Amino acid sequence: MTRTCTRRDFARSLTLSGMAAVCVPGFLSLARASAPRHRMKLSLSPGSIGVKAAPRELIAIAHKHGFDAVEPNAAFLAGLGDAEMADLLAEMKAKAVVFGAAGLPVDFRGDEAKFREGMDALPRLANGLKRAGVNRVGTWISPGHDELTYLENFRRHAQRLRAVAEVLKDHGQRLGLEYVGTPSARRNRRYPFLHSLRELRELLAEIGAGNVGCVLDSWHWWTAGETESDLLSLSAADVISVDLNDAPAGILLEQQQDGQRELPCATGVIPVAAFLGALRRIGYDGPVRAEPFNKPLNEMDDDAACAAAIASLQKAMALIRTGQ
């Protein structure tokens, strides 16, 4: 996003578009009661929208703003005793909030020592997720490398992520991998790497584990030049989690920057209805989160950022409920 905007200016723009209605006292309970239910779970991903609340506080924030799910923190969960875990899960049940997909706590992109360090810690962290009922874990694939050729990088990813998947499988979890389709993200890399759904599926086949699938992002789907037919080639079981974003208007696709996105339905540049409609057709019922990497949103306080994010997600879901 190239323009500057204060938190107050951004909040005012949300009000003008109807998004700030979620901040009106009493509106949330009415919206929950009257809004049609959807199968996909609107998930709060705090780091993606600049929310800085502690893991336990996120449960109350998610409930307050109408999220169905919240992103779990593996390190926090692994540190809970049995009584603390039971108390946390009871609170979540009372608030009708579940856990979405966790981030993978292993650095598989760097050197071997760093990877081994992450793998040594993974069983303990995966067990913490298991105790909390978390069965989805996701990460992303860098679209290029400066030292490894495509084939060398492909082989490293297959070997390392196969090892990760085996540990997660032992704890009842599925691993989701996200390709990065943004052309500018690989433009200056010496060796471009996979950046499309088709290439990702080749990696999944090479990994050969039964618990590895896709993390789909409307941004990367759009920047990769893909269509509904690409999504319809998947089954619901192939999709681990979903990110929903829009793109800044007035910028050519080839010039879009991965770290400068918009909330879902903010500009209409990305055909969010087509993206979500295809996911509904294949029966996807997992977490959907906003991941805009948007500076004005990140500068808001936690409540304002959550209000904006949930409003955008609800607006997107309304498109497929009404058939627009």
Protein backbone atom coordinates (compact mmCIF):
# COMPACT_ATOMS: atom_id res chain seq x y z
CA MET A 1 0.00 0.00 0.00
CA THR A 2 1.62 3.25 -1.12
CA ARG A 3 -0.56 5.91 0.50
CA THR A 4 -0.17 7.01 4.11
CA CYS A 5 -3.14 6.78 6.40
CA THR A 6 -3.64 7.27 10.12
CA ARG A 7 -5.58 4.79 12.23
CA ARG A 8 -8.37 7.31 12.56
CA ASP A 9 -8.53 7.96 8.80
CA PHE A 10 -8.63 4.24 8.07
CA ALA A 11 -11.33 3.60 10.67
CA ARG A 12 -13.37 6.44 9.16
CA SER A 13 -13.11 4.85 5.71
CA LEU A 14 -14.36 1.59 7.16
CA THR A 15 -17.32 3.40 8.67
CA LEU A 16 -18.21 4.92 5.32
CA SER A 17 -18.18 1.49 3.73
CA GLY A 18 -20.29 -0.05 6.46
CA MET A 19 -17.49 -2.12 7.92
CA ALA A 20 -17.29 -0.30 11.23
CA ALA A 21 -20.81 -1.42 12.12
CA VAL A 22 -19.26 -4.32 13.98
CA CYS A 23 -18.02 -1.86 16.60
CA VAL A 24 -21.53 -0.71 17.54
CA PRO A 25 -22.59 -2.18 20.93
CA GLY A 26 -25.20 -4.86 20.52
CA PHE A 27 -24.58 -5.27 16.80
CA LEU A 28 -22.47 -8.39 17.15
CA SER A 29 -25.05 -10.41 19.05
CA LEU A 30 -27.73 -9.44 16.53
CA ALA A 31 -25.47 -10.30 13.61
CA ARG A 32 -24.63 -13.69 15.11
CA ALA A 33 -28.29 -14.48 15.60
CA SER A 34 -29.47 -13.37 12.15
CA ALA A 35 -26.56 -14.20 9.83
CA PRO A 36 -26.81 -17.49 7.89
CA ARG A 37 -24.33 -20.07 9.11
CA HIS A 38 -21.53 -21.12 6.79
CA ARG A 39 -19.40 -24.25 6.84
CA MET A 40 -16.04 -22.52 6.58
CA LYS A 41 -14.67 -21.17 9.85
CA LEU A 42 -13.67 -17.51 10.01
CA SER A 43 -10.34 -17.59 11.83
CA LEU A 44 -8.45 -14.88 13.69
CA SER A 45 -4.78 -14.86 12.67
CA PRO A 46 -3.32 -12.18 14.98
CA GLY A 47 0.07 -11.74 13.35
CA SER A 48 -1.50 -11.23 9.95
CA ILE A 49 -3.46 -8.15 11.05
CA GLY A 50 -1.12 -6.69 13.68
CA VAL A 51 -2.97 -7.95 16.76
CA LYS A 52 -0.57 -8.20 19.69
CA ALA A 53 -2.75 -9.78 22.39
CA ALA A 54 -1.40 -12.72 24.37
CA PRO A 55 -2.56 -16.22 23.33
CA ARG A 56 -5.08 -16.56 26.16
CA GLU A 57 -6.53 -13.09 25.49
CA LEU A 58 -7.13 -13.98 21.86
CA ILE A 59 -9.95 -16.33 22.83
CA ALA A 60 -11.98 -13.50 24.35
CA ILE A 61 -11.14 -11.17 21.45
CA ALA A 62 -12.17 -13.76 18.87
CA HIS A 63 -15.45 -14.34 20.68
CA LYS A 64 -16.13 -10.62 21.05
CA HIS A 65 -15.76 -9.98 17.34
CA GLY A 66 -17.55 -13.06 16.04
CA PHE A 67 -14.68 -15.22 14.81
CA ASP A 68 -15.33 -18.96 14.69
CA ALA A 69 -11.68 -19.90 15.23
CA VAL A 70 -8.33 -18.57 16.39
CA GLU A 71 -4.82 -19.46 15.28
CA PRO A 72 -3.10 -21.62 17.92
CA ASN A 73 0.32 -20.83 19.37
CA ALA A 74 2.25 -24.10 19.57
CA ALA A 75 4.81 -22.93 22.15
CA PHE A 76 2.11 -21.56 24.44
CA LEU A 77 0.03 -24.73 24.25
CA ALA A 78 3.04 -27.00 24.83
CA GLY A 79 3.76 -25.12 28.05
CA LEU A 80 0.31 -25.68 29.57
CA GLY A 81 -0.24 -28.26 32.28
CA ASP A 82 -3.22 -30.59 32.15
CA ALA A 83 -5.40 -28.42 34.38
CA GLU A 84 -4.50 -25.25 32.45
CA MET A 85 -5.26 -26.97 29.16
CA ALA A 86 -8.61 -28.22 30.41
CA ASP A 87 -9.49 -24.73 31.61
CA LEU A 88 -8.53 -23.18 28.26
CA LEU A 89 -10.56 -25.70 26.25
CA ALA A 90 -13.56 -25.24 28.53
CA GLU A 91 -13.41 -21.49 27.98
CA MET A 92 -13.22 -21.97 24.22
CA LYS A 93 -16.18 -24.33 24.24
CA ALA A 94 -18.24 -21.86 26.27
CA LYS A 95 -17.38 -19.11 23.79
CA ALA A 96 -17.96 -21.32 20.72
CA VAL A 97 -14.41 -20.69 19.45
CA VAL A 98 -12.23 -23.48 18.04
CA PHE A 99 -8.61 -23.60 16.96
CA GLY A 100 -7.74 -23.03 13.31
CA ALA A 101 -4.44 -23.93 11.66
CA ALA A 102 -1.13 -23.50 13.48
CA GLY A 103 2.06 -22.24 11.88
CA LEU A 104 4.85 -24.77 11.38
CA PRO A 105 7.52 -24.14 14.07
CA VAL A 106 10.37 -25.54 11.97
CA ASP A 107 12.78 -23.56 9.77
CA PHE A 108 13.15 -25.90 6.79
CA ARG A 109 14.39 -23.22 4.37
CA GLY A 110 17.81 -22.56 5.90
CA ASP A 111 20.87 -24.58 6.81
CA GLU A 112 20.84 -28.13 8.11
CA ALA A 113 21.68 -27.20 11.70
CA LYS A 114 18.72 -24.85 11.94
CA PHE A 115 16.44 -27.48 10.45
CA ARG A 116 17.65 -30.17 12.88
CA GLU A 117 17.12 -27.81 15.80
CA GLY A 118 13.52 -27.29 14.73
CA MET A 119 12.96 -31.00 14.20
CA ASP A 120 14.28 -31.78 17.68
CA ALA A 121 11.68 -29.43 19.18
CA LEU A 122 8.81 -30.46 16.91
CA PRO A 123 7.56 -33.56 18.80
CA ARG A 124 7.04 -31.56 21.99
CA LEU A 125 5.28 -28.73 20.14
CA ALA A 126 3.17 -31.10 18.06
CA ASN A 127 2.12 -32.87 21.25
CA GLY A 128 1.00 -29.55 22.71
CA LEU A 129 -1.11 -28.97 19.62
CA LYS A 130 -2.51 -32.49 19.85
CA ARG A 131 -3.56 -32.03 23.48
CA ALA A 132 -5.43 -28.89 22.38
CA GLY A 133 -7.20 -30.73 19.57
CA VAL A 134 -5.28 -28.96 16.77
CA ASN A 135 -5.01 -31.09 13.65
CA ARG A 136 -3.97 -28.56 10.98
CA VAL A 137 -0.48 -27.03 10.57
CA GLY A 138 0.59 -24.79 7.70
CA THR A 139 3.64 -23.10 6.18
CA TRP A 140 4.73 -21.44 2.94
CA ILE A 141 7.23 -22.23 0.22
CA SER A 142 9.69 -19.54 -0.87
CA PRO A 143 9.39 -19.01 -4.65
CA GLY A 144 13.13 -18.81 -5.28
CA HIS A 145 16.65 -19.45 -4.04
CA ASP A 146 20.01 -17.82 -4.70
CA GLU A 147 22.12 -20.98 -4.40
CA LEU A 148 19.98 -24.04 -5.11
CA THR A 149 18.67 -24.83 -8.58
CA TYR A 150 15.01 -25.76 -8.98
CA LEU A 151 15.75 -29.49 -8.84
CA GLU A 152 18.12 -29.18 -5.87
CA ASN A 153 15.58 -27.07 -4.01
CA PHE A 154 12.77 -29.46 -4.92
CA ARG A 155 14.69 -32.43 -3.52
CA ARG A 156 15.55 -30.56 -0.30
CA HIS A 157 11.93 -29.56 0.23
CA ALA A 158 10.67 -33.09 -0.40
CA GLN A 159 13.18 -34.63 2.01
CA ARG A 160 12.75 -32.12 4.82
CA LEU A 161 8.98 -31.74 4.60
CA ARG A 162 8.55 -35.51 4.45
CA ALA A 163 10.36 -35.71 7.79
CA VAL A 164 8.15 -32.94 9.19
CA ALA A 165 5.01 -34.68 7.95
CA GLU A 166 5.98 -37.95 9.62
CA VAL A 167 6.27 -36.26 13.02
CA LEU A 168 2.97 -34.45 12.56
CA LYS A 169 1.27 -37.65 11.43
CA ASP A 170 2.30 -39.28 14.70
CA HIS A 171 0.32 -36.54 16.45
CA GLY A 172 -2.77 -36.69 14.24
CA GLN A 173 -1.97 -33.54 12.28
CA ARG A 174 -2.04 -32.61 8.60
CA LEU A 175 0.54 -30.31 7.03
CA GLY A 176 -0.47 -27.63 4.54
CA LEU A 177 1.98 -26.02 2.08
CA GLU A 178 1.39 -22.65 0.43
CA TYR A 179 2.90 -21.62 -2.90
CA VAL A 180 3.79 -17.96 -3.45
CA GLY A 181 2.51 -16.81 -6.85
CA THR A 182 3.55 -13.15 -6.70
CA PRO A 183 5.81 -12.48 -9.74
CA SER A 184 7.80 -9.75 -7.96
CA ALA A 185 8.64 -12.15 -5.10
CA ARG A 186 10.80 -14.31 -7.35
CA ARG A 187 11.99 -11.75 -9.88
CA ASN A 188 15.34 -11.06 -8.22
CA ARG A 189 16.11 -14.61 -7.15
CA ARG A 190 18.82 -16.43 -9.06
CA TYR A 191 16.85 -19.67 -9.26
CA PRO A 192 13.03 -19.31 -9.29
CA PHE A 193 11.17 -22.10 -7.52
CA LEU A 194 7.60 -23.40 -7.57
CA HIS A 195 4.95 -20.69 -7.65
CA SER A 196 1.72 -22.35 -8.80
CA LEU A 197 -0.78 -24.91 -7.58
CA ARG A 198 0.27 -27.38 -10.27
CA GLU A 199 3.92 -27.22 -9.19
CA LEU A 200 2.94 -27.51 -5.54
CA ARG A 201 0.99 -30.67 -6.29
CA GLU A 202 4.11 -32.13 -7.90
CA LEU A 203 5.96 -31.51 -4.63
CA LEU A 204 3.13 -33.08 -2.63
CA ALA A 205 3.33 -36.18 -4.81
CA GLU A 206 7.09 -36.39 -4.30
CA ILE A 207 6.73 -36.03 -0.52
CA GLY A 208 4.34 -38.97 -0.69
CA ALA A 209 2.85 -38.57 2.78
CA GLY A 210 -0.86 -39.04 3.25
CA ASN A 211 -1.20 -36.06 5.57
CA VAL A 212 0.17 -33.22 3.37
CA GLY A 213 -2.02 -30.84 1.38
CA CYS A 214 -2.40 -27.23 0.29
CA VAL A 215 -2.72 -23.87 1.97
CA LEU A 216 -4.65 -21.79 -0.56
CA ASP A 217 -4.46 -18.00 -0.70
CA SER A 218 -6.71 -15.92 -2.97
CA TRP A 219 -3.75 -13.56 -3.48
CA HIS A 220 -1.37 -16.25 -4.74
CA TRP A 221 -4.14 -17.96 -6.74
CA TRP A 222 -4.77 -14.66 -8.52
CA THR A 223 -1.12 -13.64 -8.99
CA ALA A 224 -0.35 -17.13 -10.37
CA GLY A 225 -2.99 -16.55 -13.08
CA GLU A 226 -5.12 -19.45 -11.92
CA THR A 227 -8.88 -19.95 -12.24
CA GLU A 228 -11.79 -21.71 -10.59
CA SER A 229 -10.99 -24.86 -12.57
CA ASP A 230 -7.65 -25.15 -10.78
CA LEU A 231 -9.43 -25.14 -7.41
CA LEU A 232 -12.10 -27.54 -8.60
CA SER A 233 -9.38 -30.07 -9.39
CA LEU A 234 -8.89 -30.44 -5.64
CA SER A 235 -10.92 -32.29 -3.04
CA ALA A 236 -11.82 -30.86 0.35
CA ALA A 237 -9.27 -33.21 1.92
CA ASP A 238 -6.52 -31.61 -0.19
CA VAL A 239 -7.02 -28.20 1.44
CA ILE A 240 -5.61 -27.65 4.93
CA SER A 241 -6.36 -23.94 5.36
CA VAL A 242 -7.29 -20.84 3.35
CA ASP A 243 -6.10 -17.23 3.33
CA LEU A 244 -8.33 -14.53 1.90
CA ASN A 245 -7.02 -11.22 0.57
CA ASP A 246 -7.63 -8.51 -2.00
CA ALA A 247 -5.12 -6.49 -4.04
CA PRO A 248 -4.51 -2.74 -4.28
CA ALA A 249 -6.31 -1.16 -7.23
CA GLY A 250 -4.49 0.55 -10.08
CA ILE A 251 -1.37 -1.64 -9.99
CA LEU A 252 -0.49 -4.15 -12.71
CA LEU A 253 -0.41 -7.75 -11.52
CA GLU A 254 3.29 -8.04 -12.37
CA GLN A 255 4.03 -5.04 -10.13
CA GLN A 256 1.99 -6.12 -7.10
CA GLN A 257 4.06 -6.51 -3.94
CA ASP A 258 3.52 -9.52 -1.70
CA GLY A 259 3.71 -7.44 1.48
CA GLN A 260 1.19 -4.81 0.36
CA ARG A 261 -2.28 -6.31 0.16
CA GLU A 262 -5.83 -5.35 1.09
CA LEU A 263 -8.52 -6.96 3.21
CA PRO A 264 -10.96 -9.27 1.38
CA CYS A 265 -13.48 -7.39 -0.79
CA ALA A 266 -11.74 -4.05 -0.17
CA THR A 267 -11.10 -3.28 -3.85
CA GLY A 268 -12.69 -6.07 -5.89
CA VAL A 269 -9.47 -6.62 -7.84
CA ILE A 270 -9.30 -10.29 -6.83
CA PRO A 271 -12.48 -12.28 -7.67
CA VAL A 272 -13.06 -13.45 -4.11
CA ALA A 273 -16.55 -14.78 -4.87
CA ALA A 274 -15.18 -17.12 -7.56
CA PHE A 275 -12.39 -18.28 -5.24
CA LEU A 276 -14.70 -19.00 -2.31
CA GLY A 277 -17.41 -20.40 -4.55
CA ALA A 278 -15.05 -23.04 -5.87
CA LEU A 279 -14.01 -23.98 -2.34
CA ARG A 280 -17.64 -24.31 -1.33
CA ARG A 281 -18.29 -26.54 -4.33
CA ILE A 282 -15.54 -28.98 -3.30
CA GLY A 283 -16.92 -29.02 0.26
CA TYR A 284 -14.12 -27.22 2.11
CA ASP A 285 -15.12 -26.57 5.72
CA GLY A 286 -11.85 -25.53 7.39
CA PRO A 287 -10.43 -22.21 8.60
CA VAL A 288 -10.42 -19.05 6.48
CA ARG A 289 -8.33 -16.10 7.65
CA ALA A 290 -7.49 -12.61 6.41
CA GLU A 291 -3.78 -12.12 5.75
CA PRO A 292 -3.46 -8.67 4.14
CA PHE A 293 -0.02 -7.52 5.38
CA ASN A 294 -1.55 -4.06 5.42
CA LYS A 295 0.31 -1.24 7.20
CA PRO A 296 -2.73 0.91 8.15
CA LEU A 297 -4.47 -2.19 9.53
CA ASN A 298 -1.37 -3.17 11.51
CA GLU A 299 -1.26 0.28 13.07
CA MET A 300 -4.77 -0.05 14.51
CA ASP A 301 -5.37 -1.20 18.05
CA ASP A 302 -6.39 -4.83 18.48
CA ASP A 303 -10.15 -4.24 18.64
CA ALA A 304 -10.24 -2.03 15.55
CA ALA A 305 -8.11 -4.44 13.54
CA CYS A 306 -10.27 -7.41 14.52
CA ALA A 307 -13.44 -5.49 13.71
CA ALA A 308 -12.14 -4.63 10.25
CA ALA A 309 -10.92 -8.18 9.58
CA ILE A 310 -14.12 -9.96 10.62
CA ALA A 311 -16.27 -7.49 8.68
CA SER A 312 -14.25 -8.15 5.53
CA LEU A 313 -14.48 -11.92 5.97
CA GLN A 314 -18.23 -11.76 6.60
CA LYS A 315 -18.65 -9.59 3.51
CA ALA A 316 -16.77 -12.17 1.45
CA MET A 317 -18.86 -15.04 2.80
CA ALA A 318 -22.03 -13.12 2.02
CA LEU A 319 -21.04 -13.14 -1.66
CA ILE A 320 -21.26 -16.91 -1.91
CA ARG A 321 -24.41 -17.10 0.21
CA THR A 322 -26.20 -14.70 -2.12
CA GLY A 323 -24.61 -16.05 -5.30
CA GLN A 324 -23.01 -12.74 -6.31
